[in-house]
């Protein structure tokens, strides 16, 4: 079954970005949020994102105009899901809200529709427990902003394998890079890796090793450049030369074990660290505005993605 009709439930930052992306891929999209004020905001966000995609040459003017015509908006979940083949839910990260959404979806959606939650931290098994059709419920966690970043983490829990495969195929068909997470755990995969790196980055600042600015410079001008191309395992596989990972482990495993033994293990922010981070990023920003930095980030991401996926 080729998916042509999508419902986006919740139209905040993530939901609106998802909606713009789905529209840009030729899909019919119904966007839902809780009241007329939120819907007005959603219309403006989706329109602005589509215009931004045109300016970045991800869409032509004609494609952007056609995408806008395929969008509809409603405050009613029942209206949004009644014809949907795929439901991308991006409501607030609270179990009681997800439960209400799933109950309405169960009552009004086609039984074969896939329900994919954008949740970054809630357990998929608990979400599945709210549904009469748990086999069709998955987590499809994007990286922000979804209209630019390809990664989608599919957490399957107790979902039907056919549903997991179909969701993965759908995401791939529209240009996403899905991974399947077989065991649910807090933070999924990518955020756990980010959290581990950030803890060490904070610890270096707290202990006076270097500034916030220098930590960020070390990442984005060093390993971050390679991370945009390949993951740590393949990077170190290449680092082993002709014998790959086996050689790398033989040569560098003792060094890594020494570093790990000396690294931070705390699980609560150290005293004073929050203040250091706030002042540090202000110094790093200088006279720049947050909106300007975000705009620059998205422009660079667009260029990087074009390079990354054209080769």
C-alpha atoms as a PDB file:
ATOM      1  CA  UNK A   1       0.000   0.000   0.000  1.00  0.00           C
ATOM      2  CA  UNK A   2       1.427   3.349  -1.031  1.00  0.00           C
ATOM      3  CA  UNK A   3       0.849   5.982   1.639  1.00  0.00           C
ATOM      4  CA  UNK A   4      -0.584   9.214   0.243  1.00  0.00           C
ATOM      5  CA  UNK A   5      -2.545  10.669   3.158  1.00  0.00           C
ATOM      6  CA  UNK A   6      -1.004  11.713   6.475  1.00  0.00           C
ATOM      7  CA  UNK A   7      -2.412  13.233   9.654  1.00  0.00           C
ATOM      8  CA  UNK A   8      -0.142  15.396  11.805  1.00  0.00           C
ATOM      9  CA  UNK A   9      -1.546  15.592  15.330  1.00  0.00           C
ATOM     10  CA  UNK A  10      -0.039  18.511  17.233  1.00  0.00           C
ATOM     11  CA  UNK A  11       1.457  21.424  15.321  1.00  0.00           C
ATOM     12  CA  UNK A  12       4.132  22.862  17.551  1.00  0.00           C
ATOM     13  CA  UNK A  13       7.738  23.136  16.405  1.00  0.00           C
ATOM     14  CA  UNK A  14       8.062  19.418  15.636  1.00  0.00           C
ATOM     15  CA  UNK A  15       4.568  18.847  14.273  1.00  0.00           C
ATOM     16  CA  UNK A  16       4.666  21.834  11.915  1.00  0.00           C
ATOM     17  CA  UNK A  17       8.089  20.800  10.656  1.00  0.00           C
ATOM     18  CA  UNK A  18       6.821  17.268  10.011  1.00  0.00           C
ATOM     19  CA  UNK A  19       3.786  18.661   8.173  1.00  0.00           C
ATOM     20  CA  UNK A  20       5.923  20.848   5.917  1.00  0.00           C
ATOM     21  CA  UNK A  21       8.179  17.899   5.128  1.00  0.00           C
ATOM     22  CA  UNK A  22       5.310  15.542   4.299  1.00  0.00           C
ATOM     23  CA  UNK A  23       3.762  18.217   2.074  1.00  0.00           C
ATOM     24  CA  UNK A  24       7.074  18.776   0.306  1.00  0.00           C
ATOM     25  CA  UNK A  25       7.094  15.078  -0.601  1.00  0.00           C
ATOM     26  CA  UNK A  26       3.779  15.228  -2.431  1.00  0.00           C
ATOM     27  CA  UNK A  27       1.564  13.884   0.359  1.00  0.00           C
ATOM     28  CA  UNK A  28      -1.882  15.076   1.385  1.00  0.00           C
ATOM     29  CA  UNK A  29      -1.627  16.292   4.971  1.00  0.00           C
ATOM     30  CA  UNK A  30      -4.221  17.230   7.569  1.00  0.00           C
ATOM     31  CA  UNK A  31      -2.771  19.188  10.478  1.00  0.00           C
ATOM     32  CA  UNK A  32      -4.570  19.130  13.825  1.00  0.00           C
ATOM     33  CA  UNK A  33      -4.152  21.200  16.963  1.00  0.00           C
ATOM     34  CA  UNK A  34      -6.314  21.983  19.950  1.00  0.00           C
ATOM     35  CA  UNK A  35      -7.974  25.327  19.105  1.00  0.00           C
ATOM     36  CA  UNK A  36      -8.344  28.038  16.470  1.00  0.00           C
ATOM     37  CA  UNK A  37      -5.443  30.069  17.860  1.00  0.00           C
ATOM     38  CA  UNK A  38      -3.084  27.103  17.581  1.00  0.00           C
ATOM     39  CA  UNK A  39      -4.381  26.325  14.107  1.00  0.00           C
ATOM     40  CA  UNK A  40      -3.723  29.893  12.960  1.00  0.00           C
ATOM     41  CA  UNK A  41      -0.191  29.583  14.301  1.00  0.00           C
ATOM     42  CA  UNK A  42       0.194  26.206  12.582  1.00  0.00           C
ATOM     43  CA  UNK A  43      -0.875  27.643   9.220  1.00  0.00           C
ATOM     44  CA  UNK A  44       1.702  30.397   9.558  1.00  0.00           C
ATOM     45  CA  UNK A  45       4.464  27.987  10.624  1.00  0.00           C
ATOM     46  CA  UNK A  46       3.848  25.498   7.837  1.00  0.00           C
ATOM     47  CA  UNK A  47       3.635  28.278   5.248  1.00  0.00           C
ATOM     48  CA  UNK A  48       6.879  29.819   6.502  1.00  0.00           C
ATOM     49  CA  UNK A  49       8.673  26.461   6.472  1.00  0.00           C
ATOM     50  CA  UNK A  50       7.568  25.728   2.908  1.00  0.00           C
ATOM     51  CA  UNK A  51       8.730  29.189   1.844  1.00  0.00           C
ATOM     52  CA  UNK A  52      12.037  28.559   3.609  1.00  0.00           C
ATOM     53  CA  UNK A  53      12.419  25.263   1.751  1.00  0.00           C
ATOM     54  CA  UNK A  54      11.816  27.101  -1.519  1.00  0.00           C
ATOM     55  CA  UNK A  55      14.452  29.697  -0.619  1.00  0.00           C
ATOM     56  CA  UNK A  56      16.894  26.873   0.135  1.00  0.00           C
ATOM     57  CA  UNK A  57      16.073  25.406  -3.289  1.00  0.00           C
ATOM     58  CA  UNK A  58      14.603  22.263  -1.769  1.00  0.00           C
ATOM     59  CA  UNK A  59      11.352  23.138  -3.565  1.00  0.00           C
ATOM     60  CA  UNK A  60      10.487  25.132  -6.655  1.00  0.00           C
ATOM     61  CA  UNK A  61       7.864  27.858  -6.419  1.00  0.00           C
ATOM     62  CA  UNK A  62       5.374  25.612  -8.208  1.00  0.00           C
ATOM     63  CA  UNK A  63       6.115  22.717  -5.840  1.00  0.00           C
ATOM     64  CA  UNK A  64       5.723  24.985  -2.829  1.00  0.00           C
ATOM     65  CA  UNK A  65       2.377  26.296  -4.082  1.00  0.00           C
ATOM     66  CA  UNK A  66       1.153  22.769  -4.833  1.00  0.00           C
ATOM     67  CA  UNK A  67       2.275  21.611  -1.386  1.00  0.00           C
ATOM     68  CA  UNK A  68       0.325  24.402   0.293  1.00  0.00           C
ATOM     69  CA  UNK A  69      -2.814  23.369  -1.606  1.00  0.00           C
ATOM     70  CA  UNK A  70      -2.524  19.803  -0.269  1.00  0.00           C
ATOM     71  CA  UNK A  71      -2.619  21.025   3.354  1.00  0.00           C
ATOM     72  CA  UNK A  72      -5.765  21.147   5.453  1.00  0.00           C
ATOM     73  CA  UNK A  73      -6.183  22.171   9.080  1.00  0.00           C
ATOM     74  CA  UNK A  74      -8.610  21.201  11.822  1.00  0.00           C
ATOM     75  CA  UNK A  75      -9.071  21.308  15.576  1.00  0.00           C
ATOM     76  CA  UNK A  76     -10.676  17.852  15.561  1.00  0.00           C
ATOM     77  CA  UNK A  77      -8.645  14.645  15.795  1.00  0.00           C
ATOM     78  CA  UNK A  78     -11.553  12.713  14.285  1.00  0.00           C
ATOM     79  CA  UNK A  79     -11.511  14.929  11.207  1.00  0.00           C
ATOM     80  CA  UNK A  80      -7.728  14.708  10.880  1.00  0.00           C
ATOM     81  CA  UNK A  81      -7.461  10.919  11.036  1.00  0.00           C
ATOM     82  CA  UNK A  82     -10.617   9.750   9.277  1.00  0.00           C
ATOM     83  CA  UNK A  83      -8.860   9.232   5.924  1.00  0.00           C
ATOM     84  CA  UNK A  84      -5.274   8.979   7.140  1.00  0.00           C
ATOM     85  CA  UNK A  85      -3.060   6.047   6.221  1.00  0.00           C
ATOM     86  CA  UNK A  86      -0.235   7.298   8.447  1.00  0.00           C
ATOM     87  CA  UNK A  87      -0.570   9.320  11.650  1.00  0.00           C
ATOM     88  CA  UNK A  88       2.422  11.302  12.950  1.00  0.00           C
ATOM     89  CA  UNK A  89       1.616  12.412  16.490  1.00  0.00           C
ATOM     90  CA  UNK A  90       3.576  15.288  18.039  1.00  0.00           C
ATOM     91  CA  UNK A  91       1.420  16.292  21.003  1.00  0.00           C
ATOM     92  CA  UNK A  92       2.844  17.380  24.357  1.00  0.00           C
ATOM     93  CA  UNK A  93       5.165  14.884  26.074  1.00  0.00           C
ATOM     94  CA  UNK A  94       2.725  13.753  28.735  1.00  0.00           C
ATOM     95  CA  UNK A  95       1.264  10.284  29.045  1.00  0.00           C
ATOM     96  CA  UNK A  96      -2.243  11.485  29.866  1.00  0.00           C
ATOM     97  CA  UNK A  97      -2.316  13.603  26.707  1.00  0.00           C
ATOM     98  CA  UNK A  98      -1.016  10.766  24.539  1.00  0.00           C
ATOM     99  CA  UNK A  99      -3.666   8.494  26.054  1.00  0.00           C
ATOM    100  CA  UNK A 100      -6.489  10.861  25.093  1.00  0.00           C
ATOM    101  CA  UNK A 101      -5.088  11.206  21.588  1.00  0.00           C
ATOM    102  CA  UNK A 102      -4.831   7.441  21.130  1.00  0.00           C
ATOM    103  CA  UNK A 103      -8.363   6.891  22.397  1.00  0.00           C
ATOM    104  CA  UNK A 104      -9.700   9.358  19.815  1.00  0.00           C
ATOM    105  CA  UNK A 105      -7.574   7.817  17.091  1.00  0.00           C
ATOM    106  CA  UNK A 106      -8.873   4.342  17.958  1.00  0.00           C
ATOM    107  CA  UNK A 107     -12.440   5.594  17.716  1.00  0.00           C
ATOM    108  CA  UNK A 108     -12.065   7.395  14.394  1.00  0.00           C
ATOM    109  CA  UNK A 109      -9.113   6.161  12.333  1.00  0.00           C
ATOM    110  CA  UNK A 110      -8.919   3.340   9.838  1.00  0.00           C
ATOM    111  CA  UNK A 111      -7.748   0.203  11.653  1.00  0.00           C
ATOM    112  CA  UNK A 112      -4.846  -0.218   9.243  1.00  0.00           C
ATOM    113  CA  UNK A 113      -3.442   3.274   9.805  1.00  0.00           C
ATOM    114  CA  UNK A 114       0.020   3.374  11.369  1.00  0.00           C
ATOM    115  CA  UNK A 115       0.290   5.546  14.488  1.00  0.00           C
ATOM    116  CA  UNK A 116       3.806   6.955  14.916  1.00  0.00           C
ATOM    117  CA  UNK A 117       4.590   9.125  17.936  1.00  0.00           C
ATOM    118  CA  UNK A 118       7.364  11.719  17.737  1.00  0.00           C
ATOM    119  CA  UNK A 119       8.038  11.192  21.450  1.00  0.00           C
ATOM    120  CA  UNK A 120      11.647  11.639  22.525  1.00  0.00           C
ATOM    121  CA  UNK A 121      11.304  10.122  25.970  1.00  0.00           C
ATOM    122  CA  UNK A 122       8.051   8.269  26.622  1.00  0.00           C
ATOM    123  CA  UNK A 123       7.952   4.467  26.626  1.00  0.00           C
ATOM    124  CA  UNK A 124       6.354   2.992  23.525  1.00  0.00           C
ATOM    125  CA  UNK A 125       5.057  -0.015  25.486  1.00  0.00           C
ATOM    126  CA  UNK A 126       3.008   2.325  27.657  1.00  0.00           C
ATOM    127  CA  UNK A 127       1.665   4.168  24.607  1.00  0.00           C
ATOM    128  CA  UNK A 128       0.736   0.834  23.043  1.00  0.00           C
ATOM    129  CA  UNK A 129      -1.139  -0.023  26.222  1.00  0.00           C
ATOM    130  CA  UNK A 130      -3.472   2.926  25.624  1.00  0.00           C
ATOM    131  CA  UNK A 131      -4.601   1.610  22.236  1.00  0.00           C
ATOM    132  CA  UNK A 132      -7.062  -1.093  21.224  1.00  0.00           C
ATOM    133  CA  UNK A 133      -4.683  -1.727  18.331  1.00  0.00           C
ATOM    134  CA  UNK A 134      -1.250  -1.792  20.003  1.00  0.00           C
ATOM    135  CA  UNK A 135       0.314  -3.561  17.051  1.00  0.00           C
ATOM    136  CA  UNK A 136       0.003  -0.441  14.900  1.00  0.00           C
ATOM    137  CA  UNK A 137       1.559   1.946  17.459  1.00  0.00           C
ATOM    138  CA  UNK A 138       5.253   2.835  17.239  1.00  0.00           C
ATOM    139  CA  UNK A 139       7.528   5.695  18.156  1.00  0.00           C
ATOM    140  CA  UNK A 140       8.947   7.520  15.129  1.00  0.00           C
ATOM    141  CA  UNK A 141      11.248  10.015  16.806  1.00  0.00           C
ATOM    142  CA  UNK A 142      12.704  12.672  14.487  1.00  0.00           C
ATOM    143  CA  UNK A 143      15.687  14.900  15.024  1.00  0.00           C
ATOM    144  CA  UNK A 144      14.911  18.621  15.069  1.00  0.00           C
ATOM    145  CA  UNK A 145      14.118  20.116  12.618  1.00  0.00           C
ATOM    146  CA  UNK A 146      12.350  17.171  10.945  1.00  0.00           C
ATOM    147  CA  UNK A 147      11.991  19.006   7.635  1.00  0.00           C
ATOM    148  CA  UNK A 148      15.805  19.001   7.339  1.00  0.00           C
ATOM    149  CA  UNK A 149      17.354  16.242   9.490  1.00  0.00           C
ATOM    150  CA  UNK A 150      16.934  12.764   7.936  1.00  0.00           C
ATOM    151  CA  UNK A 151      17.125  10.557  11.047  1.00  0.00           C
ATOM    152  CA  UNK A 152      14.004   8.860  12.401  1.00  0.00           C
ATOM    153  CA  UNK A 153      14.330   6.469  15.342  1.00  0.00           C
ATOM    154  CA  UNK A 154      11.658   3.766  15.157  1.00  0.00           C
ATOM    155  CA  UNK A 155      11.039   2.192  18.553  1.00  0.00           C
ATOM    156  CA  UNK A 156       8.935  -0.887  17.983  1.00  0.00           C
ATOM    157  CA  UNK A 157       8.083  -2.216  21.427  1.00  0.00           C
ATOM    158  CA  UNK A 158       5.299  -4.742  20.850  1.00  0.00           C
ATOM    159  CA  UNK A 159       4.279  -3.448  17.428  1.00  0.00           C
ATOM    160  CA  UNK A 160       3.583  -5.884  14.625  1.00  0.00           C
ATOM    161  CA  UNK A 161       6.705  -6.564  12.572  1.00  0.00           C
ATOM    162  CA  UNK A 162       4.745  -5.801   9.406  1.00  0.00           C
ATOM    163  CA  UNK A 163       3.912  -2.352  10.805  1.00  0.00           C
ATOM    164  CA  UNK A 164       7.557  -1.689  11.687  1.00  0.00           C
ATOM    165  CA  UNK A 165       8.632  -2.689   8.178  1.00  0.00           C
ATOM    166  CA  UNK A 166       5.898  -0.598   6.561  1.00  0.00           C
ATOM    167  CA  UNK A 167       6.778   2.468   8.642  1.00  0.00           C
ATOM    168  CA  UNK A 168      10.456   2.087   7.805  1.00  0.00           C
ATOM    169  CA  UNK A 169       9.662   1.709   4.110  1.00  0.00           C
ATOM    170  CA  UNK A 170       7.447   4.809   4.189  1.00  0.00           C
ATOM    171  CA  UNK A 171      10.068   6.938   5.912  1.00  0.00           C
ATOM    172  CA  UNK A 172      12.751   5.753   3.480  1.00  0.00           C
ATOM    173  CA  UNK A 173      10.499   6.431   0.488  1.00  0.00           C
ATOM    174  CA  UNK A 174      10.126  10.086   1.494  1.00  0.00           C
ATOM    175  CA  UNK A 175      13.847  10.556   2.064  1.00  0.00           C
ATOM    176  CA  UNK A 176      14.256   9.815   5.752  1.00  0.00           C
ATOM    177  CA  UNK A 177      16.899   7.523   7.261  1.00  0.00           C
ATOM    178  CA  UNK A 178      15.078   5.290   9.764  1.00  0.00           C
ATOM    179  CA  UNK A 179      16.785   3.074  12.306  1.00  0.00           C
ATOM    180  CA  UNK A 180      14.966   0.414  14.331  1.00  0.00           C
ATOM    181  CA  UNK A 181      15.476   0.313  18.099  1.00  0.00           C
ATOM    182  CA  UNK A 182      14.717  -3.179  19.362  1.00  0.00           C
ATOM    183  CA  UNK A 183      14.658  -2.366  23.089  1.00  0.00           C
ATOM    184  CA  UNK A 184      12.969   0.662  24.587  1.00  0.00           C
ATOM    185  CA  UNK A 185      15.141   2.774  26.849  1.00  0.00           C
ATOM    186  CA  UNK A 186      15.162   6.423  27.952  1.00  0.00           C
ATOM    187  CA  UNK A 187      16.425   8.758  25.255  1.00  0.00           C
ATOM    188  CA  UNK A 188      16.406   6.143  22.470  1.00  0.00           C
ATOM    189  CA  UNK A 189      19.836   6.000  20.716  1.00  0.00           C
ATOM    190  CA  UNK A 190      20.978   9.340  19.286  1.00  0.00           C
ATOM    191  CA  UNK A 191      19.993  11.387  22.341  1.00  0.00           C
ATOM    192  CA  UNK A 192      21.859   8.983  24.624  1.00  0.00           C
ATOM    193  CA  UNK A 193      24.987   9.458  22.537  1.00  0.00           C
ATOM    194  CA  UNK A 194      24.460  13.229  22.643  1.00  0.00           C
ATOM    195  CA  UNK A 195      23.930  13.118  26.393  1.00  0.00           C
ATOM    196  CA  UNK A 196      27.159  11.183  26.962  1.00  0.00           C
ATOM    197  CA  UNK A 197      29.165  13.660  24.882  1.00  0.00           C
ATOM    198  CA  UNK A 198      27.496  16.653  26.542  1.00  0.00           C
ATOM    199  CA  UNK A 199      28.200  15.381  30.053  1.00  0.00           C
ATOM    200  CA  UNK A 200      31.906  15.162  29.265  1.00  0.00           C
ATOM    201  CA  UNK A 201      31.796  18.593  27.590  1.00  0.00           C
ATOM    202  CA  UNK A 202      30.182  20.115  30.695  1.00  0.00           C
ATOM    203  CA  UNK A 203      32.663  18.394  32.977  1.00  0.00           C
ATOM    204  CA  UNK A 204      35.589  19.850  31.045  1.00  0.00           C
ATOM    205  CA  UNK A 205      34.143  23.341  31.543  1.00  0.00           C
ATOM    206  CA  UNK A 206      33.306  22.813  35.227  1.00  0.00           C
ATOM    207  CA  UNK A 207      36.842  21.606  35.925  1.00  0.00           C
ATOM    208  CA  UNK A 208      38.408  24.563  34.159  1.00  0.00           C
ATOM    209  CA  UNK A 209      39.947  22.529  31.348  1.00  0.00           C
ATOM    210  CA  UNK A 210      38.540  24.851  28.688  1.00  0.00           C
ATOM    211  CA  UNK A 211      35.724  27.291  27.982  1.00  0.00           C
ATOM    212  CA  UNK A 212      32.267  26.576  26.583  1.00  0.00           C
ATOM    213  CA  UNK A 213      33.361  28.220  23.339  1.00  0.00           C
ATOM    214  CA  UNK A 214      36.457  26.044  23.054  1.00  0.00           C
ATOM    215  CA  UNK A 215      34.519  22.845  23.770  1.00  0.00           C
ATOM    216  CA  UNK A 216      32.100  23.697  20.957  1.00  0.00           C
ATOM    217  CA  UNK A 217      34.995  24.604  18.661  1.00  0.00           C
ATOM    218  CA  UNK A 218      36.707  21.291  19.438  1.00  0.00           C
ATOM    219  CA  UNK A 219      33.595  19.331  18.470  1.00  0.00           C
ATOM    220  CA  UNK A 220      32.477  21.173  15.331  1.00  0.00           C
ATOM    221  CA  UNK A 221      35.996  21.612  13.908  1.00  0.00           C
ATOM    222  CA  UNK A 222      37.200  18.134  14.836  1.00  0.00           C
ATOM    223  CA  UNK A 223      35.155  14.960  15.270  1.00  0.00           C
ATOM    224  CA  UNK A 224      31.908  16.690  14.310  1.00  0.00           C
ATOM    225  CA  UNK A 225      33.105  17.035  10.730  1.00  0.00           C
ATOM    226  CA  UNK A 226      33.668  13.293  10.505  1.00  0.00           C
ATOM    227  CA  UNK A 227      30.439  12.501  12.375  1.00  0.00           C
ATOM    228  CA  UNK A 228      28.510  14.243   9.590  1.00  0.00           C
ATOM    229  CA  UNK A 229      29.809  11.561   7.228  1.00  0.00           C
ATOM    230  CA  UNK A 230      29.977   8.366   9.281  1.00  0.00           C
ATOM    231  CA  UNK A 231      29.502   7.017  12.792  1.00  0.00           C
ATOM    232  CA  UNK A 232      32.209   6.372  15.399  1.00  0.00           C
ATOM    233  CA  UNK A 233      32.489   2.666  14.644  1.00  0.00           C
ATOM    234  CA  UNK A 234      33.233   3.201  10.954  1.00  0.00           C
ATOM    235  CA  UNK A 235      35.532   6.127  11.744  1.00  0.00           C
ATOM    236  CA  UNK A 236      37.644   3.939  14.020  1.00  0.00           C
ATOM    237  CA  UNK A 237      37.435   1.058  11.547  1.00  0.00           C
ATOM    238  CA  UNK A 238      39.133   3.348   9.018  1.00  0.00           C
ATOM    239  CA  UNK A 239      41.555   4.459  11.730  1.00  0.00           C
ATOM    240  CA  UNK A 240      42.864   0.906  11.944  1.00  0.00           C
ATOM    241  CA  UNK A 241      44.314   1.008   8.450  1.00  0.00           C
ATOM    242  CA  UNK A 242      44.327  -2.115   6.283  1.00  0.00           C
ATOM    243  CA  UNK A 243      43.222  -4.369   9.161  1.00  0.00           C
ATOM    244  CA  UNK A 244      40.398  -2.073  10.218  1.00  0.00           C
ATOM    245  CA  UNK A 245      38.723  -2.367  13.601  1.00  0.00           C
ATOM    246  CA  UNK A 246      40.820  -5.314  14.745  1.00  0.00           C
ATOM    247  CA  UNK A 247      43.998  -3.295  14.333  1.00  0.00           C
ATOM    248  CA  UNK A 248      42.450  -0.170  15.870  1.00  0.00           C
ATOM    249  CA  UNK A 249      41.354  -2.050  18.981  1.00  0.00           C
ATOM    250  CA  UNK A 250      44.734  -3.689  19.337  1.00  0.00           C
ATOM    251  CA  UNK A 251      46.489  -0.353  19.179  1.00  0.00           C
ATOM    252  CA  UNK A 252      44.121   2.083  20.892  1.00  0.00           C
ATOM    253  CA  UNK A 253      41.862   0.092  23.258  1.00  0.00           C
ATOM    254  CA  UNK A 254      44.212   0.657  26.247  1.00  0.00           C
ATOM    255  CA  UNK A 255      44.164   4.417  25.637  1.00  0.00           C
ATOM    256  CA  UNK A 256      40.379   4.519  25.495  1.00  0.00           C
ATOM    257  CA  UNK A 257      40.122   2.493  28.689  1.00  0.00           C
ATOM    258  CA  UNK A 258      42.424   4.984  30.423  1.00  0.00           C
ATOM    259  CA  UNK A 259      40.309   7.907  29.198  1.00  0.00           C
ATOM    260  CA  UNK A 260      37.045   6.222  30.206  1.00  0.00           C
ATOM    261  CA  UNK A 261      38.390   5.616  33.696  1.00  0.00           C
ATOM    262  CA  UNK A 262      39.025   9.365  34.015  1.00  0.00           C
ATOM    263  CA  UNK A 263      35.744  10.589  32.525  1.00  0.00           C
ATOM    264  CA  UNK A 264      32.708  12.051  34.258  1.00  0.00           C
ATOM    265  CA  UNK A 265      30.146   9.625  35.674  1.00  0.00           C
ATOM    266  CA  UNK A 266      27.801  12.042  37.490  1.00  0.00           C
ATOM    267  CA  UNK A 267      24.077  11.945  36.647  1.00  0.00           C
ATOM    268  CA  UNK A 268      23.009  15.326  38.038  1.00  0.00           C
ATOM    269  CA  UNK A 269      24.275  18.716  36.921  1.00  0.00           C
ATOM    270  CA  UNK A 270      27.222  19.717  39.147  1.00  0.00           C
ATOM    271  CA  UNK A 271      26.808  22.776  41.330  1.00  0.00           C
ATOM    272  CA  UNK A 272      27.443  25.935  39.349  1.00  0.00           C
ATOM    273  CA  UNK A 273      27.432  24.164  35.983  1.00  0.00           C
ATOM    274  CA  UNK A 274      24.164  25.679  34.781  1.00  0.00           C
ATOM    275  CA  UNK A 275      25.431  29.199  35.392  1.00  0.00           C
ATOM    276  CA  UNK A 276      28.673  28.393  33.574  1.00  0.00           C
ATOM    277  CA  UNK A 277      26.757  27.065  30.574  1.00  0.00           C
ATOM    278  CA  UNK A 278      24.417  30.058  30.369  1.00  0.00           C
ATOM    279  CA  UNK A 279      27.226  32.595  30.596  1.00  0.00           C
ATOM    280  CA  UNK A 280      29.420  30.515  28.300  1.00  0.00           C
ATOM    281  CA  UNK A 281      26.959  30.349  25.416  1.00  0.00           C
ATOM    282  CA  UNK A 282      26.238  34.075  25.793  1.00  0.00           C
ATOM    283  CA  UNK A 283      29.952  34.746  25.384  1.00  0.00           C
ATOM    284  CA  UNK A 284      30.065  32.397  22.409  1.00  0.00           C
ATOM    285  CA  UNK A 285      27.126  34.151  20.739  1.00  0.00           C
ATOM    286  CA  UNK A 286      28.592  37.617  21.171  1.00  0.00           C
ATOM    287  CA  UNK A 287      26.370  40.100  19.348  1.00  0.00           C
ATOM    288  CA  UNK A 288      24.582  37.426  17.333  1.00  0.00           C
ATOM    289  CA  UNK A 289      20.852  36.852  17.688  1.00  0.00           C
ATOM    290  CA  UNK A 290      19.405  33.381  18.336  1.00  0.00           C
ATOM    291  CA  UNK A 291      17.246  33.627  15.226  1.00  0.00           C
ATOM    292  CA  UNK A 292      20.271  34.544  13.126  1.00  0.00           C
ATOM    293  CA  UNK A 293      22.214  31.573  14.495  1.00  0.00           C
ATOM    294  CA  UNK A 294      19.291  29.224  13.806  1.00  0.00           C
ATOM    295  CA  UNK A 295      18.978  30.595  10.266  1.00  0.00           C
ATOM    296  CA  UNK A 296      22.702  30.088   9.663  1.00  0.00           C
ATOM    297  CA  UNK A 297      22.479  26.554  11.111  1.00  0.00           C
ATOM    298  CA  UNK A 298      19.653  25.612   8.762  1.00  0.00           C
ATOM    299  CA  UNK A 299      21.465  27.070   5.744  1.00  0.00           C
ATOM    300  CA  UNK A 300      24.591  25.088   6.592  1.00  0.00           C
ATOM    301  CA  UNK A 301      22.546  21.941   7.231  1.00  0.00           C
ATOM    302  CA  UNK A 302      20.880  22.292   3.855  1.00  0.00           C
ATOM    303  CA  UNK A 303      24.217  22.628   2.085  1.00  0.00           C
ATOM    304  CA  UNK A 304      25.674  19.721   4.021  1.00  0.00           C
ATOM    305  CA  UNK A 305      22.702  17.485   3.278  1.00  0.00           C
ATOM    306  CA  UNK A 306      22.849  18.282  -0.429  1.00  0.00           C
ATOM    307  CA  UNK A 307      26.527  17.348  -0.438  1.00  0.00           C
ATOM    308  CA  UNK A 308      26.043  14.311   1.801  1.00  0.00           C
ATOM    309  CA  UNK A 309      23.240  12.704  -0.173  1.00  0.00           C
ATOM    310  CA  UNK A 310      24.288  13.691  -3.687  1.00  0.00           C
ATOM    311  CA  UNK A 311      27.401  11.500  -3.516  1.00  0.00           C
END
